[in-house]
Structure formats: structure tokens, C-alpha cells
Amino acid sequence: MSLRKSIYETIGGVDKINELVDRFYDLMALEPQFQGIRSMHPQDLSTSREKLKFFLTGWMGGPDIYSPKYGHPMLRARHLPFKIGISERDQWLACMYRAMEECGIEGNIAKQLEESFFNTANWMRNQAP
């Protein structure tokens, strides 16, 4: 058993995940600079919110609640129908980084998450630069 806390535990568990994801989607819906990625989502964001909350919970070291409901995440395969280039990647990251900041996720844990989010978002790109 590891004595080291997971990111999930360190940031505050389910409450912080919910706050982060809700702020992320609120920003995406409200801020014009995120319109490019907002347009890729359905009008009703409730399922998108749930999926990201469930995914991030497990991804950050909490319980695996995504897979039992939605199957293996297969992130890249699930996002292939959408054109994701550098602009979309950067919009997603800017929106998430701002949500993190506004939710009080800072310091080393923020740096670690930013790096992980960048690597994942960059891997999701399916359009040439």
C-alpha cells in the first residue's frame, strides 16, 4: 500500500473534480475564445460533464467509475470524429488551466496536472499542424 496520496485525494476528491469540470464547461459555454471547442459538443452538456467527471476521477487516482458505465475510455478513438488540431488543443488546455486556477488548484499539483493534460491533449490531435 502506498503512503503517497493520489492526485484525486490531494485536490479534494469528488467535490473538487465536480467543481473543476463544472467550471470548465461553464467557461467553454460562456467565453468566446472557447467557441471552437464548444461547437464540437452537444447543446446539452450534461452527458459531457458526467463523462469528464467520471473519467477524471479514475485518471487522477480515484475510483474507476467511468469504465463500468461507458466502457474503456479509448480517448483517441472516441475523439476521432472531431477535427482536433493545435487550435482546438490549445483552446481545451486554456479552458482547463483557467478552470483549475479558478478552482484553486495550484502549485506543484497544478504543474503536474498541466503537464499531463498537455500530453493527453496533444496526443488527441488528429489534424496536421
C-alpha atoms as a PDB file:
ATOM      1  CA  MET A   1       0.000   0.000   0.000  1.00  0.00           C
ATOM      2  CA  SER A   2       1.331   3.417  -0.970  1.00  0.00           C
ATOM      3  CA  LEU A   3       1.540   6.160   1.604  1.00  0.00           C
ATOM      4  CA  ARG A   4       1.565   8.745  -1.166  1.00  0.00           C
ATOM      5  CA  LYS A   5      -1.776  10.404  -1.844  1.00  0.00           C
ATOM      6  CA  SER A   6      -3.242  10.284  -5.324  1.00  0.00           C
ATOM      7  CA  ILE A   7      -3.895  13.499  -7.201  1.00  0.00           C
ATOM      8  CA  TYR A   8      -7.591  12.782  -6.660  1.00  0.00           C
ATOM      9  CA  GLU A   9      -7.129  12.756  -2.879  1.00  0.00           C
ATOM     10  CA  THR A  10      -4.693  15.675  -2.891  1.00  0.00           C
ATOM     11  CA  ILE A  11      -7.028  18.058  -4.727  1.00  0.00           C
ATOM     12  CA  GLY A  12     -10.078  17.145  -2.639  1.00  0.00           C
ATOM     13  CA  GLY A  13     -11.745  14.144  -4.253  1.00  0.00           C
ATOM     14  CA  VAL A  14     -15.127  14.103  -5.924  1.00  0.00           C
ATOM     15  CA  ASP A  15     -16.120  17.585  -4.771  1.00  0.00           C
ATOM     16  CA  LYS A  16     -13.096  19.205  -6.439  1.00  0.00           C
ATOM     17  CA  ILE A  17     -13.499  17.108  -9.600  1.00  0.00           C
ATOM     18  CA  ASN A  18     -17.136  18.214  -9.840  1.00  0.00           C
ATOM     19  CA  GLU A  19     -16.187  21.857  -9.261  1.00  0.00           C
ATOM     20  CA  LEU A  20     -13.390  21.691 -11.841  1.00  0.00           C
ATOM     21  CA  VAL A  21     -15.450  20.044 -14.565  1.00  0.00           C
ATOM     22  CA  ASP A  22     -18.443  22.312 -13.988  1.00  0.00           C
ATOM     23  CA  ARG A  23     -16.228  25.394 -14.191  1.00  0.00           C
ATOM     24  CA  PHE A  24     -14.507  24.022 -17.309  1.00  0.00           C
ATOM     25  CA  TYR A  25     -17.798  23.559 -19.163  1.00  0.00           C
ATOM     26  CA  ASP A  26     -19.202  26.857 -17.863  1.00  0.00           C
ATOM     27  CA  LEU A  27     -16.163  28.670 -19.235  1.00  0.00           C
ATOM     28  CA  MET A  28     -16.412  26.787 -22.508  1.00  0.00           C
ATOM     29  CA  ALA A  29     -20.036  27.836 -22.879  1.00  0.00           C
ATOM     30  CA  LEU A  30     -19.537  31.457 -21.814  1.00  0.00           C
ATOM     31  CA  GLU A  31     -16.199  32.606 -23.217  1.00  0.00           C
ATOM     32  CA  PRO A  32     -15.906  33.447 -26.941  1.00  0.00           C
ATOM     33  CA  GLN A  33     -12.280  32.242 -27.118  1.00  0.00           C
ATOM     34  CA  PHE A  34     -13.502  28.679 -26.441  1.00  0.00           C
ATOM     35  CA  GLN A  35     -16.211  28.668 -29.125  1.00  0.00           C
ATOM     36  CA  GLY A  36     -14.159  26.366 -31.356  1.00  0.00           C
ATOM     37  CA  ILE A  37     -14.265  23.526 -28.850  1.00  0.00           C
ATOM     38  CA  ARG A  38     -17.766  24.377 -27.606  1.00  0.00           C
ATOM     39  CA  SER A  39     -19.104  23.852 -31.124  1.00  0.00           C
ATOM     40  CA  MET A  40     -17.846  20.243 -31.035  1.00  0.00           C
ATOM     41  CA  HIS A  41     -20.128  19.438 -28.106  1.00  0.00           C
ATOM     42  CA  PRO A  42     -23.879  18.830 -27.980  1.00  0.00           C
ATOM     43  CA  GLN A  43     -26.138  21.713 -26.973  1.00  0.00           C
ATOM     44  CA  ASP A  44     -26.907  19.959 -23.683  1.00  0.00           C
ATOM     45  CA  LEU A  45     -23.597  19.474 -21.883  1.00  0.00           C
ATOM     46  CA  SER A  46     -24.912  17.259 -19.080  1.00  0.00           C
ATOM     47  CA  THR A  47     -23.604  13.982 -20.539  1.00  0.00           C
ATOM     48  CA  SER A  48     -20.274  15.607 -21.468  1.00  0.00           C
ATOM     49  CA  ARG A  49     -19.955  16.859 -17.883  1.00  0.00           C
ATOM     50  CA  GLU A  50     -20.724  13.443 -16.434  1.00  0.00           C
ATOM     51  CA  LYS A  51     -18.286  11.649 -18.719  1.00  0.00           C
ATOM     52  CA  LEU A  52     -15.431  14.042 -17.928  1.00  0.00           C
ATOM     53  CA  LYS A  53     -16.163  13.890 -14.183  1.00  0.00           C
ATOM     54  CA  PHE A  54     -16.191  10.097 -14.259  1.00  0.00           C
ATOM     55  CA  PHE A  55     -13.075   9.903 -16.444  1.00  0.00           C
ATOM     56  CA  LEU A  56     -11.026  12.403 -14.411  1.00  0.00           C
ATOM     57  CA  THR A  57     -11.947  10.649 -11.174  1.00  0.00           C
ATOM     58  CA  GLY A  58     -10.202   7.463 -12.283  1.00  0.00           C
ATOM     59  CA  TRP A  59      -7.478   9.239 -14.263  1.00  0.00           C
ATOM     60  CA  MET A  60      -6.451  11.163 -11.144  1.00  0.00           C
ATOM     61  CA  GLY A  61      -6.328   8.046  -8.988  1.00  0.00           C
ATOM     62  CA  GLY A  62      -9.840   7.859  -7.604  1.00  0.00           C
ATOM     63  CA  PRO A  63     -12.325   5.051  -8.121  1.00  0.00           C
ATOM     64  CA  ASP A  64     -12.932   3.768 -11.650  1.00  0.00           C
ATOM     65  CA  ILE A  65     -16.482   4.930 -12.240  1.00  0.00           C
ATOM     66  CA  TYR A  66     -16.134   5.647 -15.978  1.00  0.00           C
ATOM     67  CA  SER A  67     -15.449   2.150 -17.337  1.00  0.00           C
ATOM     68  CA  PRO A  68     -18.355   0.325 -15.672  1.00  0.00           C
ATOM     69  CA  LYS A  69     -20.809   2.765 -17.259  1.00  0.00           C
ATOM     70  CA  TYR A  70     -19.162   3.712 -20.583  1.00  0.00           C
ATOM     71  CA  GLY A  71     -16.580   1.003 -21.240  1.00  0.00           C
ATOM     72  CA  HIS A  72     -12.874   1.534 -21.813  1.00  0.00           C
ATOM     73  CA  PRO A  73     -12.172   5.267 -22.276  1.00  0.00           C
ATOM     74  CA  MET A  74     -10.418   4.821 -25.667  1.00  0.00           C
ATOM     75  CA  LEU A  75      -9.858   8.589 -25.680  1.00  0.00           C
ATOM     76  CA  ARG A  76      -8.306   8.916 -29.086  1.00  0.00           C
ATOM     77  CA  ALA A  77     -10.821   6.627 -30.793  1.00  0.00           C
ATOM     78  CA  ARG A  78     -13.777   8.420 -29.193  1.00  0.00           C
ATOM     79  CA  HIS A  79     -12.460  11.780 -30.389  1.00  0.00           C
ATOM     80  CA  LEU A  80     -11.543  10.764 -33.966  1.00  0.00           C
ATOM     81  CA  PRO A  81     -14.856  12.035 -35.403  1.00  0.00           C
ATOM     82  CA  PHE A  82     -13.808  15.568 -34.397  1.00  0.00           C
ATOM     83  CA  LYS A  83     -11.161  17.632 -36.136  1.00  0.00           C
ATOM     84  CA  ILE A  84      -8.635  18.325 -33.393  1.00  0.00           C
ATOM     85  CA  GLY A  85      -5.663  20.429 -34.354  1.00  0.00           C
ATOM     86  CA  ILE A  86      -3.345  22.739 -32.487  1.00  0.00           C
ATOM     87  CA  SER A  87      -6.024  25.432 -32.115  1.00  0.00           C
ATOM     88  CA  GLU A  88      -8.537  23.013 -30.574  1.00  0.00           C
ATOM     89  CA  ARG A  89      -5.877  21.513 -28.328  1.00  0.00           C
ATOM     90  CA  ASP A  90      -4.828  24.950 -27.143  1.00  0.00           C
ATOM     91  CA  GLN A  91      -8.420  26.070 -26.530  1.00  0.00           C
ATOM     92  CA  TRP A  92      -9.116  22.947 -24.468  1.00  0.00           C
ATOM     93  CA  LEU A  93      -5.938  23.441 -22.445  1.00  0.00           C
ATOM     94  CA  ALA A  94      -6.533  27.165 -21.866  1.00  0.00           C
ATOM     95  CA  CYS A  95     -10.066  26.443 -20.711  1.00  0.00           C
ATOM     96  CA  MET A  96      -8.924  23.657 -18.353  1.00  0.00           C
ATOM     97  CA  TYR A  97      -5.976  25.642 -16.974  1.00  0.00           C
ATOM     98  CA  ARG A  98      -8.255  28.597 -16.259  1.00  0.00           C
ATOM     99  CA  ALA A  99     -10.809  26.312 -14.586  1.00  0.00           C
ATOM    100  CA  MET A 100      -8.023  24.830 -12.450  1.00  0.00           C
ATOM    101  CA  GLU A 101      -6.835  28.288 -11.424  1.00  0.00           C
ATOM    102  CA  GLU A 102     -10.361  29.471 -10.598  1.00  0.00           C
ATOM    103  CA  CYS A 103     -10.958  26.316  -8.540  1.00  0.00           C
ATOM    104  CA  GLY A 104      -7.794  26.865  -6.506  1.00  0.00           C
ATOM    105  CA  ILE A 105      -5.729  24.018  -7.947  1.00  0.00           C
ATOM    106  CA  GLU A 106      -2.231  25.459  -7.797  1.00  0.00           C
ATOM    107  CA  GLY A 107       1.406  24.802  -7.012  1.00  0.00           C
ATOM    108  CA  ASN A 108       3.110  21.512  -7.790  1.00  0.00           C
ATOM    109  CA  ILE A 109      -0.142  19.631  -8.246  1.00  0.00           C
ATOM    110  CA  ALA A 110      -1.259  22.178 -10.872  1.00  0.00           C
ATOM    111  CA  LYS A 111       2.068  21.860 -12.698  1.00  0.00           C
ATOM    112  CA  GLN A 112       1.767  18.069 -12.677  1.00  0.00           C
ATOM    113  CA  LEU A 113      -1.804  18.216 -13.995  1.00  0.00           C
ATOM    114  CA  GLU A 114      -0.940  20.811 -16.630  1.00  0.00           C
ATOM    115  CA  GLU A 115       1.823  18.588 -17.977  1.00  0.00           C
ATOM    116  CA  SER A 116      -0.427  15.520 -18.003  1.00  0.00           C
ATOM    117  CA  PHE A 117      -3.286  17.439 -19.627  1.00  0.00           C
ATOM    118  CA  PHE A 118      -0.926  18.816 -22.277  1.00  0.00           C
ATOM    119  CA  ASN A 119       0.455  15.369 -23.113  1.00  0.00           C
ATOM    120  CA  THR A 120      -3.031  13.884 -23.374  1.00  0.00           C
ATOM    121  CA  ALA A 121      -4.479  16.802 -25.362  1.00  0.00           C
ATOM    122  CA  ASN A 122      -1.519  16.783 -27.728  1.00  0.00           C
ATOM    123  CA  TRP A 123      -1.946  13.036 -28.275  1.00  0.00           C
ATOM    124  CA  MET A 124      -5.608  13.634 -29.185  1.00  0.00           C
ATOM    125  CA  ARG A 125      -4.660  15.791 -32.184  1.00  0.00           C
ATOM    126  CA  ASN A 126      -5.714  14.233 -35.470  1.00  0.00           C
ATOM    127  CA  GLN A 127      -5.080  17.166 -37.822  1.00  0.00           C
ATOM    128  CA  ALA A 128      -1.713  18.101 -39.270  1.00  0.00           C
ATOM    129  CA  PRO A 129      -0.191  21.300 -37.895  1.00  0.00           C
END
